[in-house]
Amino acid sequence: MDVSPDPAVLAAIEGITGHRFSDPSLVVRALTHSSAASGRVNSNERLEFLGDAALGFTVCTHLFAEHPTLLEGELTKIKSNVVSGRTCAELAAECGLEELLTLDKGVRGRSGVPESILAGAFESVIGALYLDGGIDAVRAFVLPRLATRIDLALRLGHQQNFKQVLQQCLAQLGMGMPQYGVLDEKGPDHAKCFEIAVTADTRRFPGAWGTSKKAAEQLAALAALRELGIAVETGDGQVQIVWPGSQVS
């Protein structure tokens, strides 16, 4: 697909990325969802695949160079958090990519473009940047946008994986493995909510509700960490882990 993009769209993407494309057709491909492409090979799916790898490499090399005392496990947790689909979708929305996408009208729901499509578009733009400008163009686009998220992940010490933190802390307290039990559930089968609580040793911690068992388990782990005084809220409402051994790999 060797098609020139709309000049306004090209200008918008070059403004967003800070890169002048020598091959503008890459912009067309990066912004074309499979629902509006003449064939999936002409959609942004291949660029999404490449962009995902370029994004991961960029973040990994940055973390490796800038944080020489972090071990492999902690580097992996931070990288997984800052290059997640949710983060990519948030960054796509922040950049204004949603309005530049070419997609079938039926794909856009009441709440806008689905998160997975936004995340794919962000990675596709990264793939186009890599092909047109190399890894330096990717770094220049990605790292400034991820800087605050990386700093937050480093400062808070949990990367939203409260179950893992709780398991590590309970082991150091000699309380054994946490057990997660369903206390209650409500709602129709297609939209159930669950209340789950953690039991460790002979102690049961407060329950927590979530829209899935996985989400409820994370919130139950957080409730247990709060009860133990290991998770505290910062002044800006974020959760911080203060247990000194909770970041072991």
Protein backbone atom coordinates (compact mmCIF):
# COMPACT_ATOMS: atom_id res chain seq x y z
CA MET A 1 0.00 0.00 0.00
CA ASP A 2 1.93 3.01 -1.32
CA VAL A 3 -0.59 5.81 -0.72
CA SER A 4 0.07 9.39 0.30
CA PRO A 5 -1.66 10.48 3.50
CA ASP A 6 -3.91 13.48 3.83
CA PRO A 7 -1.54 16.45 4.26
CA ALA A 8 -3.29 17.51 7.49
CA VAL A 9 -2.94 14.00 8.94
CA LEU A 10 0.72 13.81 7.94
CA ALA A 11 1.37 17.21 9.53
CA ALA A 12 -0.41 16.09 12.69
CA ILE A 13 1.61 12.88 12.98
CA GLU A 14 4.88 14.66 12.31
CA GLY A 15 3.96 17.19 14.97
CA ILE A 16 3.11 14.44 17.46
CA THR A 17 6.24 12.37 16.77
CA GLY A 18 8.68 15.18 16.07
CA HIS A 19 9.82 13.25 13.00
CA ARG A 20 9.57 14.19 9.32
CA PHE A 21 8.72 11.06 7.34
CA SER A 22 10.68 10.36 4.20
CA ASP A 23 8.11 7.65 3.38
CA PRO A 24 4.68 9.15 4.18
CA SER A 25 2.91 5.96 3.10
CA LEU A 26 4.04 4.47 6.42
CA VAL A 27 1.79 6.97 8.16
CA VAL A 28 -1.22 5.76 6.15
CA ARG A 29 -0.51 2.15 7.05
CA ALA A 30 0.11 2.94 10.73
CA LEU A 31 -3.26 4.67 11.05
CA THR A 32 -5.34 2.15 9.08
CA HIS A 33 -7.20 -0.37 11.22
CA SER A 34 -8.01 -3.78 9.73
CA SER A 35 -11.72 -2.91 9.68
CA ALA A 36 -11.05 -0.27 7.03
CA ALA A 37 -8.16 -1.87 5.13
CA SER A 38 -8.43 -3.58 1.73
CA GLY A 39 -6.83 -6.61 3.38
CA ARG A 40 -5.27 -7.32 6.76
CA VAL A 41 -1.80 -7.19 5.24
CA ASN A 42 -2.59 -3.58 4.30
CA SER A 43 -3.68 -2.68 7.84
CA ASN A 44 -1.49 -1.53 10.71
CA GLU A 45 -1.18 -5.00 12.23
CA ARG A 46 2.32 -5.72 10.92
CA LEU A 47 3.56 -2.32 12.06
CA GLU A 48 1.96 -2.96 15.44
CA PHE A 49 4.00 -6.17 15.74
CA LEU A 50 7.21 -4.31 14.89
CA GLY A 51 6.37 -1.34 17.11
CA ASP A 52 5.70 -3.56 20.10
CA ALA A 53 9.23 -4.97 19.79
CA ALA A 54 10.80 -1.54 19.25
CA LEU A 55 8.95 -0.11 22.26
CA GLY A 56 10.02 -2.98 24.50
CA PHE A 57 13.64 -2.71 23.35
CA THR A 58 13.67 1.06 23.89
CA VAL A 59 12.33 0.80 27.44
CA CYS A 60 14.58 -2.14 28.35
CA THR A 61 17.77 -0.45 27.16
CA HIS A 62 16.77 2.76 28.95
CA LEU A 63 16.11 0.97 32.25
CA PHE A 64 19.29 -1.08 31.92
CA ALA A 65 21.43 2.01 31.35
CA GLU A 66 19.78 4.36 33.83
CA HIS A 67 19.25 1.98 36.76
CA PRO A 68 22.38 -0.19 37.09
CA THR A 69 21.50 -1.46 40.60
CA LEU A 70 18.11 -2.96 39.70
CA LEU A 71 18.00 -6.71 39.25
CA GLU A 72 16.35 -8.55 36.37
CA GLY A 73 13.08 -9.20 38.18
CA GLU A 74 12.50 -5.58 39.10
CA LEU A 75 13.48 -4.38 35.62
CA THR A 76 10.98 -6.81 34.14
CA LYS A 77 8.17 -5.64 36.43
CA ILE A 78 8.75 -1.98 35.61
CA LYS A 79 9.00 -2.66 31.88
CA SER A 80 5.79 -4.72 31.90
CA ASN A 81 3.97 -1.92 33.68
CA VAL A 82 5.10 0.97 31.48
CA VAL A 83 4.62 -0.79 28.11
CA SER A 84 1.27 -2.39 28.93
CA GLY A 85 -1.68 -2.18 26.56
CA ARG A 86 -3.40 0.18 28.96
CA THR A 87 -0.41 2.54 28.98
CA CYS A 88 -0.15 2.47 25.17
CA ALA A 89 -3.86 3.27 24.87
CA GLU A 90 -3.53 6.15 27.33
CA LEU A 91 -0.56 7.56 25.42
CA ALA A 92 -2.42 7.22 22.11
CA ALA A 93 -5.32 9.21 23.58
CA GLU A 94 -2.96 11.82 25.01
CA CYS A 95 -1.29 12.21 21.60
CA GLY A 96 -4.61 12.60 19.82
CA LEU A 97 -4.22 9.50 17.65
CA GLU A 98 -7.88 8.53 18.04
CA GLU A 99 -9.07 11.26 15.70
CA LEU A 100 -6.46 10.37 13.07
CA LEU A 101 -7.33 6.68 12.73
CA THR A 102 -9.00 5.22 9.67
CA LEU A 103 -11.48 2.57 10.80
CA ASP A 104 -14.97 1.29 10.12
CA LYS A 105 -17.69 3.39 11.76
CA GLY A 106 -19.02 0.35 13.59
CA VAL A 107 -15.79 -0.07 15.51
CA ARG A 108 -16.15 3.22 17.36
CA GLY A 109 -18.46 2.61 20.31
CA ARG A 110 -20.33 4.99 22.60
CA SER A 111 -17.24 5.48 24.73
CA GLY A 112 -14.97 5.95 21.72
CA VAL A 113 -12.35 3.70 20.16
CA PRO A 114 -11.67 0.49 22.13
CA GLU A 115 -8.50 0.44 24.24
CA SER A 116 -6.97 -2.42 22.26
CA ILE A 117 -7.26 -0.47 18.99
CA LEU A 118 -5.73 2.65 20.52
CA ALA A 119 -2.87 0.63 21.95
CA GLY A 120 -2.30 -1.01 18.58
CA ALA A 121 -2.27 2.37 16.85
CA PHE A 122 0.34 3.70 19.25
CA GLU A 123 2.57 0.69 18.62
CA SER A 124 1.97 0.97 14.86
CA VAL A 125 3.18 4.56 14.84
CA ILE A 126 6.28 3.40 16.70
CA GLY A 127 6.79 0.71 14.04
CA ALA A 128 6.52 3.34 11.30
CA LEU A 129 8.97 5.57 13.15
CA TYR A 130 11.44 2.70 13.45
CA LEU A 131 11.30 1.90 9.72
CA ASP A 132 11.60 5.54 8.70
CA GLY A 133 13.98 6.95 11.31
CA GLY A 134 15.51 4.06 13.21
CA ILE A 135 15.64 3.44 16.95
CA ASP A 136 16.74 7.02 17.71
CA ALA A 137 13.45 8.34 16.34
CA VAL A 138 11.59 5.84 18.52
CA ARG A 139 13.54 6.88 21.62
CA ALA A 140 12.88 10.57 20.97
CA PHE A 141 9.15 9.90 20.70
CA VAL A 142 8.70 7.32 23.46
CA LEU A 143 10.99 8.15 26.37
CA PRO A 144 9.72 11.67 27.15
CA ARG A 145 6.16 10.31 27.24
CA LEU A 146 7.07 7.43 29.54
CA ALA A 147 9.38 9.33 31.89
CA THR A 148 6.78 10.12 34.55
CA ARG A 149 5.34 6.60 34.41
CA ILE A 150 8.79 5.06 34.85
CA ASP A 151 9.55 7.38 37.77
CA LEU A 152 6.22 6.53 39.39
CA ALA A 153 6.79 2.78 39.00
CA LEU A 154 10.22 3.13 40.60
CA ARG A 155 8.92 5.26 43.47
CA LEU A 156 5.85 3.23 44.38
CA GLY A 157 7.56 -0.15 44.32
CA HIS A 158 4.66 -2.39 43.31
CA GLN A 159 3.87 -1.94 39.58
CA GLN A 160 0.23 -2.71 40.49
CA ASN A 161 1.12 -6.33 41.35
CA PHE A 162 -0.06 -6.34 44.96
CA LYS A 163 -0.40 -10.13 45.04
CA GLN A 164 3.31 -10.57 44.42
CA VAL A 165 4.25 -7.96 47.03
CA LEU A 166 1.96 -9.58 49.61
CA GLN A 167 3.39 -13.03 48.95
CA GLN A 168 6.94 -11.74 49.46
CA CYS A 169 6.06 -9.87 52.65
CA LEU A 170 4.08 -12.73 54.19
CA ALA A 171 7.01 -15.07 53.55
CA GLN A 172 9.33 -12.68 55.41
CA LEU A 173 6.83 -12.46 58.27
CA GLY A 174 6.67 -16.25 58.50
CA MET A 175 2.94 -16.30 57.73
CA GLY A 176 3.13 -18.70 54.79
CA MET A 177 1.38 -18.43 51.44
CA PRO A 178 -1.69 -16.22 51.06
CA GLN A 179 -4.95 -17.97 50.27
CA TYR A 180 -7.68 -16.19 48.30
CA GLY A 181 -11.28 -17.07 49.03
CA VAL A 182 -14.53 -15.83 47.47
CA LEU A 183 -16.80 -14.34 50.14
CA ASP A 184 -19.65 -13.21 47.91
CA GLU A 185 -20.63 -12.54 44.31
CA LYS A 186 -23.37 -10.52 42.67
CA GLY A 187 -24.68 -9.50 39.28
CA PRO A 188 -25.68 -11.41 36.13
CA ASP A 189 -23.38 -14.05 34.65
CA HIS A 190 -22.08 -11.71 31.97
CA ALA A 191 -21.18 -8.96 34.49
CA LYS A 192 -20.45 -10.59 37.83
CA CYS A 193 -18.60 -8.89 40.65
CA PHE A 194 -16.72 -10.85 43.31
CA GLU A 195 -15.75 -10.18 46.91
CA ILE A 196 -12.51 -11.91 47.82
CA ALA A 197 -10.47 -11.94 51.01
CA VAL A 198 -6.96 -13.09 51.84
CA THR A 199 -6.24 -15.58 54.59
CA ALA A 200 -2.69 -16.11 55.81
CA ASP A 201 -1.72 -18.33 58.72
CA THR A 202 -4.70 -17.91 61.08
CA ARG A 203 -5.51 -14.34 60.04
CA ARG A 204 -8.16 -13.24 57.58
CA PHE A 205 -7.87 -9.78 56.09
CA PRO A 206 -10.71 -7.48 54.90
CA GLY A 207 -12.48 -8.45 51.70
CA ALA A 208 -12.50 -6.42 48.50
CA TRP A 209 -14.86 -6.29 45.51
CA GLY A 210 -13.71 -6.48 41.91
CA THR A 211 -15.27 -6.84 38.47
CA SER A 212 -13.41 -10.14 37.98
CA LYS A 213 -11.79 -12.65 40.31
CA LYS A 214 -8.38 -11.52 39.14
CA ALA A 215 -9.14 -7.86 39.89
CA ALA A 216 -10.72 -8.71 43.24
CA GLU A 217 -7.66 -10.75 44.25
CA GLN A 218 -5.38 -7.78 43.54
CA LEU A 219 -7.61 -5.49 45.59
CA ALA A 220 -7.82 -8.06 48.41
CA ALA A 221 -4.02 -8.27 48.43
CA LEU A 222 -3.89 -4.48 48.65
CA ALA A 223 -6.37 -4.54 51.55
CA ALA A 224 -4.12 -7.02 53.37
CA LEU A 225 -1.05 -4.88 52.72
CA ARG A 226 -2.85 -1.85 54.13
CA GLU A 227 -3.93 -3.83 57.20
CA LEU A 228 -0.32 -4.83 57.77
CA GLY A 229 0.86 -1.24 57.37
CA ILE A 230 2.94 -2.16 54.33
CA ALA A 231 0.90 -0.22 51.76
CA VAL A 232 0.27 3.44 52.48
CA GLU A 233 -1.23 6.27 50.47
CA THR A 234 0.98 9.14 49.38
CA GLY A 235 -0.14 12.75 49.42
CA ASP A 236 -1.28 12.52 45.81
CA GLY A 237 -3.44 9.46 46.45
CA GLN A 238 -1.03 6.87 45.06
CA VAL A 239 -0.26 3.61 46.85
CA GLN A 240 3.31 3.23 48.06
CA ILE A 241 4.96 0.11 49.47
CA VAL A 242 7.03 0.85 52.58
CA TRP A 243 8.05 -2.69 53.49
CA PRO A 244 11.85 -2.67 52.97
CA GLY A 245 12.05 -6.15 51.50
CA SER A 246 9.04 -6.00 49.21
CA GLN A 247 11.05 -5.36 46.04
CA VAL A 248 13.11 -8.51 46.10
CA SER A 249 13.19 -10.25 42.71
